[in-house]
Amino acid sequence: NTLVDRLIDADPYLTAHRPAMIRRLGHIQRMRERVTEGRVGLLDLA
């Protein structure tokens, strides 16, 4: 929610798309957890 607030502060026209941005940022976090499986860091994975 804090990250979305920062995006909207930079561009208020994004306010109407707040739910979509929350979903996308959550998807990025889940992708990170999925590829690292909680066992390795992202740099080690790469």
All heavy atoms as atom14 arrays in JSON, in Angstrom:
{
  "sequence": "NTLVDRLIDADPYLTAHRPAMIRRLGHIQRMRERVTEGRVGLLDLA",
  "atom14_mask": [
    [1, 1, 1, 1, 1, 1, 1, 1, 0, 0, 0, 0, 0, 0],
    [1, 1, 1, 1, 1, 1, 1, 0, 0, 0, 0, 0, 0, 0],
    [1, 1, 1, 1, 1, 1, 1, 1, 0, 0, 0, 0, 0, 0],
    [1, 1, 1, 1, 1, 1, 1, 0, 0, 0, 0, 0, 0, 0],
    [1, 1, 1, 1, 1, 1, 1, 1, 0, 0, 0, 0, 0, 0],
    [1, 1, 1, 1, 1, 1, 1, 1, 1, 1, 1, 0, 0, 0],
    [1, 1, 1, 1, 1, 1, 1, 1, 0, 0, 0, 0, 0, 0],
    [1, 1, 1, 1, 1, 1, 1, 1, 0, 0, 0, 0, 0, 0],
    [1, 1, 1, 1, 1, 1, 1, 1, 0, 0, 0, 0, 0, 0],
    [1, 1, 1, 1, 1, 0, 0, 0, 0, 0, 0, 0, 0, 0],
    [1, 1, 1, 1, 1, 1, 1, 1, 0, 0, 0, 0, 0, 0],
    [1, 1, 1, 1, 1, 1, 1, 0, 0, 0, 0, 0, 0, 0],
    [1, 1, 1, 1, 1, 1, 1, 1, 1, 1, 1, 1, 0, 0],
    [1, 1, 1, 1, 1, 1, 1, 1, 0, 0, 0, 0, 0, 0],
    [1, 1, 1, 1, 1, 1, 1, 0, 0, 0, 0, 0, 0, 0],
    [1, 1, 1, 1, 1, 0, 0, 0, 0, 0, 0, 0, 0, 0],
    [1, 1, 1, 1, 1, 1, 1, 1, 1, 1, 0, 0, 0, 0],
    [1, 1, 1, 1, 1, 1, 1, 1, 1, 1, 1, 0, 0, 0],
    [1, 1, 1, 1, 1, 1, 1, 0, 0, 0, 0, 0, 0, 0],
    [1, 1, 1, 1, 1, 0, 0, 0, 0, 0, 0, 0, 0, 0],
    [1, 1, 1, 1, 1, 1, 1, 1, 0, 0, 0, 0, 0, 0],
    [1, 1, 1, 1, 1, 1, 1, 1, 0, 0, 0, 0, 0, 0],
    [1, 1, 1, 1, 1, 1, 1, 1, 1, 1, 1, 0, 0, 0],
    [1, 1, 1, 1, 1, 1, 1, 1, 1, 1, 1, 0, 0, 0],
    [1, 1, 1, 1, 1, 1, 1, 1, 0, 0, 0, 0, 0, 0],
    [1, 1, 1, 1, 0, 0, 0, 0, 0, 0, 0, 0, 0, 0],
    [1, 1, 1, 1, 1, 1, 1, 1, 1, 1, 0, 0, 0, 0],
    [1, 1, 1, 1, 1, 1, 1, 1, 0, 0, 0, 0, 0, 0],
    [1, 1, 1, 1, 1, 1, 1, 1, 1, 0, 0, 0, 0, 0],
    [1, 1, 1, 1, 1, 1, 1, 1, 1, 1, 1, 0, 0, 0],
    [1, 1, 1, 1, 1, 1, 1, 1, 0, 0, 0, 0, 0, 0],
    [1, 1, 1, 1, 1, 1, 1, 1, 1, 1, 1, 0, 0, 0],
    [1, 1, 1, 1, 1, 1, 1, 1, 1, 0, 0, 0, 0, 0],
    [1, 1, 1, 1, 1, 1, 1, 1, 1, 1, 1, 0, 0, 0],
    [1, 1, 1, 1, 1, 1, 1, 0, 0, 0, 0, 0, 0, 0],
    [1, 1, 1, 1, 1, 1, 1, 0, 0, 0, 0, 0, 0, 0],
    [1, 1, 1, 1, 1, 1, 1, 1, 1, 0, 0, 0, 0, 0],
    [1, 1, 1, 1, 0, 0, 0, 0, 0, 0, 0, 0, 0, 0],
    [1, 1, 1, 1, 1, 1, 1, 1, 1, 1, 1, 0, 0, 0],
    [1, 1, 1, 1, 1, 1, 1, 0, 0, 0, 0, 0, 0, 0],
    [1, 1, 1, 1, 0, 0, 0, 0, 0, 0, 0, 0, 0, 0],
    [1, 1, 1, 1, 1, 1, 1, 1, 0, 0, 0, 0, 0, 0],
    [1, 1, 1, 1, 1, 1, 1, 1, 0, 0, 0, 0, 0, 0],
    [1, 1, 1, 1, 1, 1, 1, 1, 0, 0, 0, 0, 0, 0],
    [1, 1, 1, 1, 1, 1, 1, 1, 0, 0, 0, 0, 0, 0],
    [1, 1, 1, 1, 1, 0, 0, 0, 0, 0, 0, 0, 0, 0]
  ],
  "atom14_positions": [
    [[0.82, -1.21, 0.0], [0.0, 0.0, 0.0], [0.86, 1.26, 0.0], [0.51, 2.26, -0.64], [-0.94, 0.0, 1.21], [-2.15, -0.88, 0.99], [-2.7, -0.92, -0.12], [-2.57, -1.6, 2.01], [0.0, 0.0, 0.0], [0.0, 0.0, 0.0], [0.0, 0.0, 0.0], [0.0, 0.0, 0.0], [0.0, 0.0, 0.0], [0.0, 0.0, 0.0]],
    [[1.99, 1.21, 0.72], [2.89, 2.36, 0.75], [3.5, 2.59, -0.64], [3.63, 3.74, -1.09], [4.01, 2.13, 1.78], [3.42, 1.96, 3.07], [4.97, 3.32, 1.82], [0.0, 0.0, 0.0], [0.0, 0.0, 0.0], [0.0, 0.0, 0.0], [0.0, 0.0, 0.0], [0.0, 0.0, 0.0], [0.0, 0.0, 0.0], [0.0, 0.0, 0.0]],
    [[3.88, 1.5, -1.32], [4.45, 1.63, -2.66], [3.43, 2.21, -3.63], [3.76, 3.05, -4.47], [4.94, 0.27, -3.16], [6.09, -0.38, -2.38], [6.4, -1.76, -2.93], [7.34, 0.5, -2.42], [0.0, 0.0, 0.0], [0.0, 0.0, 0.0], [0.0, 0.0, 0.0], [0.0, 0.0, 0.0], [0.0, 0.0, 0.0], [0.0, 0.0, 0.0]],
    [[2.2, 1.76, -3.52], [1.15, 2.29, -4.39], [0.93, 3.77, -4.11], [0.72, 4.57, -5.04], [-0.16, 1.49, -4.21], [-1.31, 2.15, -4.96], [0.03, 0.05, -4.71], [0.0, 0.0, 0.0], [0.0, 0.0, 0.0], [0.0, 0.0, 0.0], [0.0, 0.0, 0.0], [0.0, 0.0, 0.0], [0.0, 0.0, 0.0], [0.0, 0.0, 0.0]],
    [[0.99, 4.16, -2.84], [0.86, 5.58, -2.5], [1.94, 6.4, -3.18], [1.68, 7.52, -3.66], [0.95, 5.78, -0.98], [-0.29, 5.27, -0.24], [-1.34, 5.13, -0.89], [-0.18, 5.02, 0.98], [0.0, 0.0, 0.0], [0.0, 0.0, 0.0], [0.0, 0.0, 0.0], [0.0, 0.0, 0.0], [0.0, 0.0, 0.0], [0.0, 0.0, 0.0]],
    [[3.14, 5.87, -3.24], [4.25, 6.59, -3.88], [4.01, 6.72, -5.38], [4.33, 7.77, -5.98], [5.57, 5.87, -3.6], [5.99, 5.91, -2.13], [7.25, 5.08, -1.88], [7.6, 5.08, -0.46], [8.59, 4.37, 0.08], [9.33, 3.58, -0.71], [8.83, 4.43, 1.37], [0.0, 0.0, 0.0], [0.0, 0.0, 0.0], [0.0, 0.0, 0.0]],
    [[3.48, 5.68, -6.0], [3.17, 5.76, -7.42], [2.09, 6.81, -7.69], [2.19, 7.6, -8.64], [2.7, 4.39, -7.93], [3.77, 3.32, -8.13], [3.13, 1.95, -8.32], [4.66, 3.66, -9.33], [0.0, 0.0, 0.0], [0.0, 0.0, 0.0], [0.0, 0.0, 0.0], [0.0, 0.0, 0.0], [0.0, 0.0, 0.0], [0.0, 0.0, 0.0]],
    [[1.08, 6.84, -6.85], [-0.01, 7.79, -7.04], [0.45, 9.22, -6.75], [0.03, 10.17, -7.42], [-1.22, 7.4, -6.16], [-1.82, 6.09, -6.68], [-2.27, 8.5, -6.15], [-2.93, 5.53, -5.82], [0.0, 0.0, 0.0], [0.0, 0.0, 0.0], [0.0, 0.0, 0.0], [0.0, 0.0, 0.0], [0.0, 0.0, 0.0], [0.0, 0.0, 0.0]],
    [[1.34, 9.37, -5.77], [1.9, 10.7, -5.51], [2.63, 11.23, -6.75], [2.58, 12.43, -7.05], [2.87, 10.65, -4.32], [2.14, 10.52, -2.99], [0.92, 10.78, -2.95], [2.8, 10.12, -2.0], [0.0, 0.0, 0.0], [0.0, 0.0, 0.0], [0.0, 0.0, 0.0], [0.0, 0.0, 0.0], [0.0, 0.0, 0.0], [0.0, 0.0, 0.0]],
    [[3.31, 10.33, -7.46], [4.04, 10.74, -8.66], [3.1, 10.99, -9.83], [3.4, 11.81, -10.71], [5.07, 9.66, -9.05], [0.0, 0.0, 0.0], [0.0, 0.0, 0.0], [0.0, 0.0, 0.0], [0.0, 0.0, 0.0], [0.0, 0.0, 0.0], [0.0, 0.0, 0.0], [0.0, 0.0, 0.0], [0.0, 0.0, 0.0], [0.0, 0.0, 0.0]],
    [[1.96, 10.31, -9.85], [1.0, 10.46, -10.95], [-0.41, 10.25, -10.4], [-0.91, 9.12, -10.34], [1.3, 9.44, -12.05], [0.39, 9.61, -13.25], [-0.54, 10.45, -13.2], [0.59, 8.89, -14.26], [0.0, 0.0, 0.0], [0.0, 0.0, 0.0], [0.0, 0.0, 0.0], [0.0, 0.0, 0.0], [0.0, 0.0, 0.0], [0.0, 0.0, 0.0]],
    [[-1.08, 11.32, -10.01], [-2.43, 11.19, -9.42], [-3.46, 10.53, -10.32], [-4.48, 10.03, -9.84], [-2.81, 12.65, -9.11], [-1.51, 13.36, -8.98], [-0.59, 12.7, -9.96], [0.0, 0.0, 0.0], [0.0, 0.0, 0.0], [0.0, 0.0, 0.0], [0.0, 0.0, 0.0], [0.0, 0.0, 0.0], [0.0, 0.0, 0.0], [0.0, 0.0, 0.0]],
    [[-3.23, 10.52, -11.65], [-4.18, 9.87, -12.55], [-4.25, 8.35, -12.32], [-5.16, 7.68, -12.82], [-3.79, 10.13, -14.0], [-4.08, 11.54, -14.46], [-3.06, 12.47, -14.63], [-5.39, 11.95, -14.74], [-3.32, 13.76, -15.05], [-5.67, 13.24, -15.16], [-4.63, 14.14, -15.31], [-4.9, 15.42, -15.73], [0.0, 0.0, 0.0], [0.0, 0.0, 0.0]],
    [[-3.31, 7.81, -11.56], [-3.31, 6.39, -11.27], [-4.28, 6.0, -10.16], [-4.51, 4.81, -9.92], [-1.89, 5.93, -10.88], [-0.83, 5.97, -11.98], [0.54, 5.7, -11.39], [-1.15, 4.94, -13.06], [0.0, 0.0, 0.0], [0.0, 0.0, 0.0], [0.0, 0.0, 0.0], [0.0, 0.0, 0.0], [0.0, 0.0, 0.0], [0.0, 0.0, 0.0]],
    [[-4.87, 6.99, -9.51], [-5.73, 6.71, -8.37], [-6.83, 5.72, -8.72], [-7.14, 4.8, -7.94], [-6.36, 8.02, -7.85], [-5.32, 8.94, -7.5], [-7.23, 7.75, -6.63], [0.0, 0.0, 0.0], [0.0, 0.0, 0.0], [0.0, 0.0, 0.0], [0.0, 0.0, 0.0], [0.0, 0.0, 0.0], [0.0, 0.0, 0.0], [0.0, 0.0, 0.0]],
    [[-7.42, 5.86, -9.87], [-8.53, 4.99, -10.26], [-8.1, 3.54, -10.46], [-8.93, 2.63, -10.49], [-9.17, 5.51, -11.55], [0.0, 0.0, 0.0], [0.0, 0.0, 0.0], [0.0, 0.0, 0.0], [0.0, 0.0, 0.0], [0.0, 0.0, 0.0], [0.0, 0.0, 0.0], [0.0, 0.0, 0.0], [0.0, 0.0, 0.0], [0.0, 0.0, 0.0]],
    [[-6.79, 3.32, -10.6], [-6.29, 1.98, -10.87], [-5.53, 1.4, -9.68], [-4.72, 0.48, -9.84], [-5.39, 2.01, -12.11], [-6.09, 2.5, -13.34], [-6.97, 1.72, -14.05], [-6.07, 3.72, -13.95], [-7.45, 2.42, -15.07], [-6.92, 3.63, -15.03], [0.0, 0.0, 0.0], [0.0, 0.0, 0.0], [0.0, 0.0, 0.0], [0.0, 0.0, 0.0]],
    [[-5.82, 1.91, -8.5], [-5.15, 1.44, -7.29], [-5.28, -0.08, -7.09], [-4.27, -0.75, -6.81], [-5.7, 2.19, -6.08], [-4.98, 1.84, -4.78], [-5.57, 2.56, -3.57], [-4.77, 2.29, -2.39], [-3.76, 3.04, -1.99], [-3.47, 4.14, -2.66], [-3.05, 2.71, -0.93], [0.0, 0.0, 0.0], [0.0, 0.0, 0.0], [0.0, 0.0, 0.0]],
    [[-6.48, -0.67, -7.23], [-6.57, -2.13, -7.05], [-5.67, -2.91, -8.01], [-5.05, -3.91, -7.61], [-8.05, -2.43, -7.32], [-8.75, -1.15, -7.01], [-7.81, -0.07, -7.45], [0.0, 0.0, 0.0], [0.0, 0.0, 0.0], [0.0, 0.0, 0.0], [0.0, 0.0, 0.0], [0.0, 0.0, 0.0], [0.0, 0.0, 0.0], [0.0, 0.0, 0.0]],
    [[-5.57, -2.46, -9.25], [-4.72, -3.15, -10.22], [-3.25, -3.04, -9.83], [-2.48, -4.0, -9.98], [-4.94, -2.58, -11.61], [0.0, 0.0, 0.0], [0.0, 0.0, 0.0], [0.0, 0.0, 0.0], [0.0, 0.0, 0.0], [0.0, 0.0, 0.0], [0.0, 0.0, 0.0], [0.0, 0.0, 0.0], [0.0, 0.0, 0.0], [0.0, 0.0, 0.0]],
    [[-2.85, -1.88, -9.33], [-1.46, -1.71, -8.93], [-1.12, -2.55, -7.69], [-0.02, -3.1, -7.59], [-1.16, -0.23, -8.68], [-1.18, 0.59, -9.96], [-0.57, 2.26, -9.71], [-1.85, 2.92, -8.65], [0.0, 0.0, 0.0], [0.0, 0.0, 0.0], [0.0, 0.0, 0.0], [0.0, 0.0, 0.0], [0.0, 0.0, 0.0], [0.0, 0.0, 0.0]],
    [[-2.06, -2.65, -6.76], [-1.86, -3.51, -5.6], [-1.68, -4.96, -6.05], [-0.78, -5.68, -5.57], [-3.05, -3.39, -4.63], [-3.04, -2.0, -3.96], [-3.01, -4.49, -3.57], [-4.24, -1.73, -3.08], [0.0, 0.0, 0.0], [0.0, 0.0, 0.0], [0.0, 0.0, 0.0], [0.0, 0.0, 0.0], [0.0, 0.0, 0.0], [0.0, 0.0, 0.0]],
    [[-2.51, -5.39, -7.0], [-2.39, -6.75, -7.52], [-1.04, -6.97, -8.2], [-0.38, -8.0, -7.97], [-3.51, -7.02, -8.51], [-3.53, -8.47, -9.02], [-4.5, -8.69, -10.17], [-4.09, -7.97, -11.37], [-4.75, -6.94, -11.88], [-5.85, -6.49, -11.3], [-4.32, -6.36, -12.99], [0.0, 0.0, 0.0], [0.0, 0.0, 0.0], [0.0, 0.0, 0.0]],
    [[-0.58, -6.01, -8.98], [0.68, -6.17, -9.71], [1.87, -6.23, -8.76], [2.77, -7.07, -8.93], [0.87, -5.02, -10.7], [0.0, -5.16, -11.92], [0.26, -4.06, -12.92], [-0.64, -4.16, -14.04], [-0.7, -3.29, -15.03], [0.11, -2.23, -15.04], [-1.56, -3.45, -16.02], [0.0, 0.0, 0.0], [0.0, 0.0, 0.0], [0.0, 0.0, 0.0]],
    [[1.9, -5.35, -7.79], [3.03, -5.35, -6.85], [3.02, -6.62, -6.02], [4.07, -7.18, -5.69], [2.97, -4.11, -5.96], [3.26, -2.79, -6.68], [3.06, -1.61, -5.73], [4.66, -2.76, -7.25], [0.0, 0.0, 0.0], [0.0, 0.0, 0.0], [0.0, 0.0, 0.0], [0.0, 0.0, 0.0], [0.0, 0.0, 0.0], [0.0, 0.0, 0.0]],
    [[1.82, -7.11, -5.69], [1.74, -8.39, -4.99], [2.24, -9.53, -5.87], [2.88, -10.46, -5.38], [0.0, 0.0, 0.0], [0.0, 0.0, 0.0], [0.0, 0.0, 0.0], [0.0, 0.0, 0.0], [0.0, 0.0, 0.0], [0.0, 0.0, 0.0], [0.0, 0.0, 0.0], [0.0, 0.0, 0.0], [0.0, 0.0, 0.0], [0.0, 0.0, 0.0]],
    [[1.96, -9.44, -7.15], [2.41, -10.48, -8.09], [3.93, -10.5, -8.17], [4.55, -11.57, -8.26], [1.8, -10.23, -9.47], [2.09, -11.31, -10.45], [1.68, -12.61, -10.29], [2.77, -11.28, -11.63], [2.07, -13.34, -11.32], [2.74, -12.55, -12.15], [0.0, 0.0, 0.0], [0.0, 0.0, 0.0], [0.0, 0.0, 0.0], [0.0, 0.0, 0.0]],
    [[4.56, -9.32, -8.16], [6.03, -9.25, -8.18], [6.61, -9.93, -6.94], [7.56, -10.71, -7.03], [6.5, -7.79, -8.28], [6.11, -7.19, -9.64], [8.02, -7.7, -8.08], [6.32, -5.7, -9.73], [0.0, 0.0, 0.0], [0.0, 0.0, 0.0], [0.0, 0.0, 0.0], [0.0, 0.0, 0.0], [0.0, 0.0, 0.0], [0.0, 0.0, 0.0]],
    [[6.03, -9.64, -5.78], [6.52, -10.25, -4.54], [6.32, -11.77, -4.57], [7.21, -12.52, -4.16], [5.84, -9.63, -3.35], [6.24, -8.18, -3.08], [5.72, -7.66, -1.76], [5.15, -8.38, -0.96], [5.93, -6.37, -1.5], [0.0, 0.0, 0.0], [0.0, 0.0, 0.0], [0.0, 0.0, 0.0], [0.0, 0.0, 0.0], [0.0, 0.0, 0.0]],
    [[5.17, -12.21, -5.05], [4.92, -13.66, -5.12], [5.85, -14.33, -6.12], [6.29, -15.46, -5.9], [3.46, -13.92, -5.48], [2.48, -13.6, -4.34], [1.08, -14.09, -4.67], [0.52, -13.42, -5.84], [-0.12, -12.25, -5.79], [-0.28, -11.61, -4.64], [-0.63, -11.72, -6.9], [0.0, 0.0, 0.0], [0.0, 0.0, 0.0], [0.0, 0.0, 0.0]],
    [[6.16, -13.64, -7.23], [7.09, -14.2, -8.2], [8.48, -14.35, -7.58], [9.16, -15.37, -7.79], [7.16, -13.32, -9.44], [8.08, -13.84, -10.54], [7.47, -15.37, -11.31], [6.26, -14.68, -12.44], [0.0, 0.0, 0.0], [0.0, 0.0, 0.0], [0.0, 0.0, 0.0], [0.0, 0.0, 0.0], [0.0, 0.0, 0.0], [0.0, 0.0, 0.0]],
    [[8.91, -13.36, -6.81], [10.21, -13.46, -6.14], [10.23, -14.67, -5.2], [11.19, -15.44, -5.18], [10.51, -12.18, -5.36], [11.88, -12.18, -4.68], [12.08, -11.01, -3.76], [12.12, -9.75, -4.48], [11.13, -8.87, -4.51], [10.01, -9.13, -3.83], [11.24, -7.74, -5.18], [0.0, 0.0, 0.0], [0.0, 0.0, 0.0], [0.0, 0.0, 0.0]],
    [[9.16, -14.83, -4.42], [9.09, -15.95, -3.49], [9.02, -17.28, -4.24], [9.6, -18.29, -3.81], [7.87, -15.79, -2.58], [7.97, -14.58, -1.65], [6.63, -14.2, -1.05], [5.62, -14.89, -1.37], [6.58, -13.21, -0.29], [0.0, 0.0, 0.0], [0.0, 0.0, 0.0], [0.0, 0.0, 0.0], [0.0, 0.0, 0.0], [0.0, 0.0, 0.0]],
    [[8.33, -17.28, -5.36], [8.17, -18.51, -6.12], [9.48, -18.98, -6.73], [9.81, -20.18, -6.68], [7.13, -18.3, -7.22], [6.78, -19.53, -8.01], [5.77, -19.19, -9.11], [5.51, -20.31, -9.99], [4.95, -20.2, -11.18], [4.58, -19.0, -11.63], [4.75, -21.27, -11.93], [0.0, 0.0, 0.0], [0.0, 0.0, 0.0], [0.0, 0.0, 0.0]],
    [[10.25, -18.06, -7.31], [11.48, -18.48, -7.98], [12.59, -18.78, -7.0], [13.45, -19.62, -7.26], [11.94, -17.42, -9.02], [10.9, -17.25, -10.11], [12.27, -16.08, -8.37], [0.0, 0.0, 0.0], [0.0, 0.0, 0.0], [0.0, 0.0, 0.0], [0.0, 0.0, 0.0], [0.0, 0.0, 0.0], [0.0, 0.0, 0.0], [0.0, 0.0, 0.0]],
    [[12.61, -18.11, -5.85], [13.65, -18.38, -4.85], [13.25, -19.49, -3.91], [14.09, -20.06, -3.21], [13.96, -17.12, -4.03], [12.79, -16.71, -3.32], [14.45, -15.98, -4.92], [0.0, 0.0, 0.0], [0.0, 0.0, 0.0], [0.0, 0.0, 0.0], [0.0, 0.0, 0.0], [0.0, 0.0, 0.0], [0.0, 0.0, 0.0], [0.0, 0.0, 0.0]],
    [[11.95, -19.81, -3.84], [11.39, -20.84, -2.97], [11.76, -20.62, -1.51], [11.77, -21.56, -0.71], [11.84, -22.24, -3.42], [11.36, -22.6, -4.82], [11.82, -23.98, -5.25], [12.82, -24.49, -4.68], [11.19, -24.57, -6.14], [0.0, 0.0, 0.0], [0.0, 0.0, 0.0], [0.0, 0.0, 0.0], [0.0, 0.0, 0.0], [0.0, 0.0, 0.0]],
    [[12.12, -19.38, -1.18], [12.48, -19.07, 0.19], [13.78, -19.7, 0.65], [14.12, -19.65, 1.84], [0.0, 0.0, 0.0], [0.0, 0.0, 0.0], [0.0, 0.0, 0.0], [0.0, 0.0, 0.0], [0.0, 0.0, 0.0], [0.0, 0.0, 0.0], [0.0, 0.0, 0.0], [0.0, 0.0, 0.0], [0.0, 0.0, 0.0], [0.0, 0.0, 0.0]],
    [[14.53, -20.29, -0.28], [15.76, -21.01, 0.09], [17.03, -20.28, -0.3], [18.08, -20.47, 0.31], [15.76, -22.4, -0.55], [14.63, -23.31, -0.08], [14.74, -24.72, -0.67], [14.57, -24.72, -2.12], [15.54, -24.88, -2.99], [16.79, -25.01, -2.59], [15.29, -24.89, -4.3], [0.0, 0.0, 0.0], [0.0, 0.0, 0.0], [0.0, 0.0, 0.0]],
    [[16.96, -19.49, -1.35], [18.15, -18.79, -1.84], [17.81, -17.33, -2.05], [16.65, -16.96, -2.23], [18.67, -19.4, -3.17], [19.1, -20.83, -2.96], [17.6, -19.31, -4.25], [0.0, 0.0, 0.0], [0.0, 0.0, 0.0], [0.0, 0.0, 0.0], [0.0, 0.0, 0.0], [0.0, 0.0, 0.0], [0.0, 0.0, 0.0], [0.0, 0.0, 0.0]],
    [[18.83, -16.49, -2.02], [18.63, -15.09, -2.33], [18.49, -14.89, -3.82], [18.87, -15.76, -4.63], [0.0, 0.0, 0.0], [0.0, 0.0, 0.0], [0.0, 0.0, 0.0], [0.0, 0.0, 0.0], [0.0, 0.0, 0.0], [0.0, 0.0, 0.0], [0.0, 0.0, 0.0], [0.0, 0.0, 0.0], [0.0, 0.0, 0.0], [0.0, 0.0, 0.0]],
    [[17.94, -13.75, -4.2], [17.7, -13.49, -5.62], [19.01, -13.44, -6.39], [19.09, -13.91, -7.54], [16.93, -12.17, -5.78], [16.31, -11.91, -7.15], [15.29, -12.99, -7.49], [15.67, -10.54, -7.2], [0.0, 0.0, 0.0], [0.0, 0.0, 0.0], [0.0, 0.0, 0.0], [0.0, 0.0, 0.0], [0.0, 0.0, 0.0], [0.0, 0.0, 0.0]],
    [[20.06, -12.89, -5.79], [21.34, -12.81, -6.5], [21.96, -14.19, -6.69], [22.59, -14.47, -7.72], [22.32, -11.9, -5.74], [21.92, -10.43, -5.61], [23.07, -9.62, -5.03], [21.49, -9.84, -6.95], [0.0, 0.0, 0.0], [0.0, 0.0, 0.0], [0.0, 0.0, 0.0], [0.0, 0.0, 0.0], [0.0, 0.0, 0.0], [0.0, 0.0, 0.0]],
    [[21.79, -15.06, -5.7], [22.28, -16.43, -5.86], [21.48, -17.17, -6.92], [22.04, -17.95, -7.7], [22.19, -17.19, -4.52], [23.19, -16.68, -3.5], [24.24, -16.16, -3.91], [22.92, -16.78, -2.29], [0.0, 0.0, 0.0], [0.0, 0.0, 0.0], [0.0, 0.0, 0.0], [0.0, 0.0, 0.0], [0.0, 0.0, 0.0], [0.0, 0.0, 0.0]],
    [[20.18, -16.92, -6.96], [19.36, -17.55, -8.0], [19.85, -17.15, -9.39], [19.87, -17.97, -10.31], [17.9, -17.13, -7.83], [16.95, -17.66, -8.91], [16.56, -19.1, -8.62], [15.73, -16.78, -9.06], [0.0, 0.0, 0.0], [0.0, 0.0, 0.0], [0.0, 0.0, 0.0], [0.0, 0.0, 0.0], [0.0, 0.0, 0.0], [0.0, 0.0, 0.0]],
    [[20.27, -15.89, -9.52], [20.71, -15.37, -10.82], [22.14, -15.81, -11.15], [22.9, -15.07, -11.76], [20.6, -13.84, -10.83], [0.0, 0.0, 0.0], [0.0, 0.0, 0.0], [0.0, 0.0, 0.0], [0.0, 0.0, 0.0], [0.0, 0.0, 0.0], [0.0, 0.0, 0.0], [0.0, 0.0, 0.0], [0.0, 0.0, 0.0], [0.0, 0.0, 0.0]]
  ]
}
